[in-house]
Protein backbone atom coordinates (compact mmCIF):
# COMPACT_ATOMS: atom_id res chain seq x y z
CA MET A 1 26.01 -12.26 -10.89
CA ALA A 2 26.34 -9.68 -8.22
CA THR A 3 24.76 -9.95 -5.43
CA LYS A 4 23.61 -6.99 -4.91
CA SER A 5 21.48 -6.85 -8.73
CA ILE A 6 19.21 -9.50 -6.89
CA LEU A 7 18.76 -7.68 -3.62
CA LYS A 8 16.98 -4.39 -5.84
CA THR A 9 13.74 -2.89 -5.72
CA VAL A 10 12.12 -2.43 -8.72
CA GLU A 11 9.04 -0.73 -9.59
CA VAL A 12 7.56 -1.21 -11.88
CA LYS A 13 4.69 0.77 -13.62
CA ASP A 14 2.36 -0.97 -16.06
CA ASN A 15 -0.16 -2.83 -15.06
CA THR A 16 0.62 -5.20 -17.44
CA LEU A 17 4.21 -5.07 -17.38
CA ALA A 18 3.66 -6.31 -13.25
CA GLN A 19 1.74 -9.08 -14.60
CA ALA A 20 3.49 -10.98 -17.01
CA LEU A 21 7.06 -10.23 -14.17
CA TYR A 22 4.45 -12.08 -11.07
CA ASP A 23 3.66 -15.06 -14.49
CA ALA A 24 7.13 -15.44 -14.93
CA LEU A 25 8.72 -15.50 -11.34
CA GLN A 26 5.87 -18.17 -10.93
CA GLU A 27 6.40 -19.39 -14.05
CA THR A 28 10.27 -20.52 -11.75
CA LYS A 29 8.77 -22.45 -9.17
CA THR A 30 8.18 -24.85 -11.31
CA LYS A 31 10.92 -25.36 -13.29
CA GLN A 32 13.75 -27.98 -12.56
CA SER A 33 17.33 -26.32 -13.26
CA LYS A 34 19.92 -28.24 -15.27
CA HIS A 35 22.65 -29.28 -14.22
CA VAL A 36 26.04 -27.30 -16.08
CA GLU A 37 28.56 -29.03 -16.60
CA LEU A 38 32.41 -26.19 -17.02
CA SER A 39 34.20 -26.55 -19.57
CA SER A 40 37.40 -24.84 -18.33
CA PRO A 41 38.32 -24.80 -14.53
CA CYS A 42 36.81 -21.39 -12.93
CA VAL A 43 39.69 -18.92 -11.67
CA GLU A 44 39.43 -16.11 -9.36
CA LEU A 45 41.71 -13.24 -10.34
CA ARG A 46 41.87 -10.24 -7.75
CA GLY A 47 43.82 -6.91 -8.87
CA GLU A 48 46.60 -7.18 -11.66
CA LEU A 49 45.49 -10.85 -12.79
CA VAL A 50 41.49 -8.95 -13.55
CA LYS A 51 43.83 -6.89 -16.55
CA GLU A 52 46.09 -9.60 -16.97
CA PHE A 53 42.71 -11.11 -18.30
CA PHE A 54 41.36 -8.53 -20.53
CA LYS A 55 44.01 -7.10 -21.41
CA ASP A 56 43.31 -6.77 -26.20
CA THR A 57 45.97 -9.05 -27.68
CA THR A 58 45.21 -8.73 -31.02
CA ASP A 59 47.76 -5.78 -31.47
CA GLU A 60 50.74 -7.53 -30.32
């Protein structure tokens, strides 16, 4: 997840939705995180490698 999306200001004008958001955030304080095992290696792609990764191979 991109860091900028976490740091954005959120304005909630509806009190019911604001309370629901608050409750959800409070609930996350008590939950334990789950251990995740990657089934494939993590690789950083840059430049042309990104285009190659998302290349449409259905036409070939």
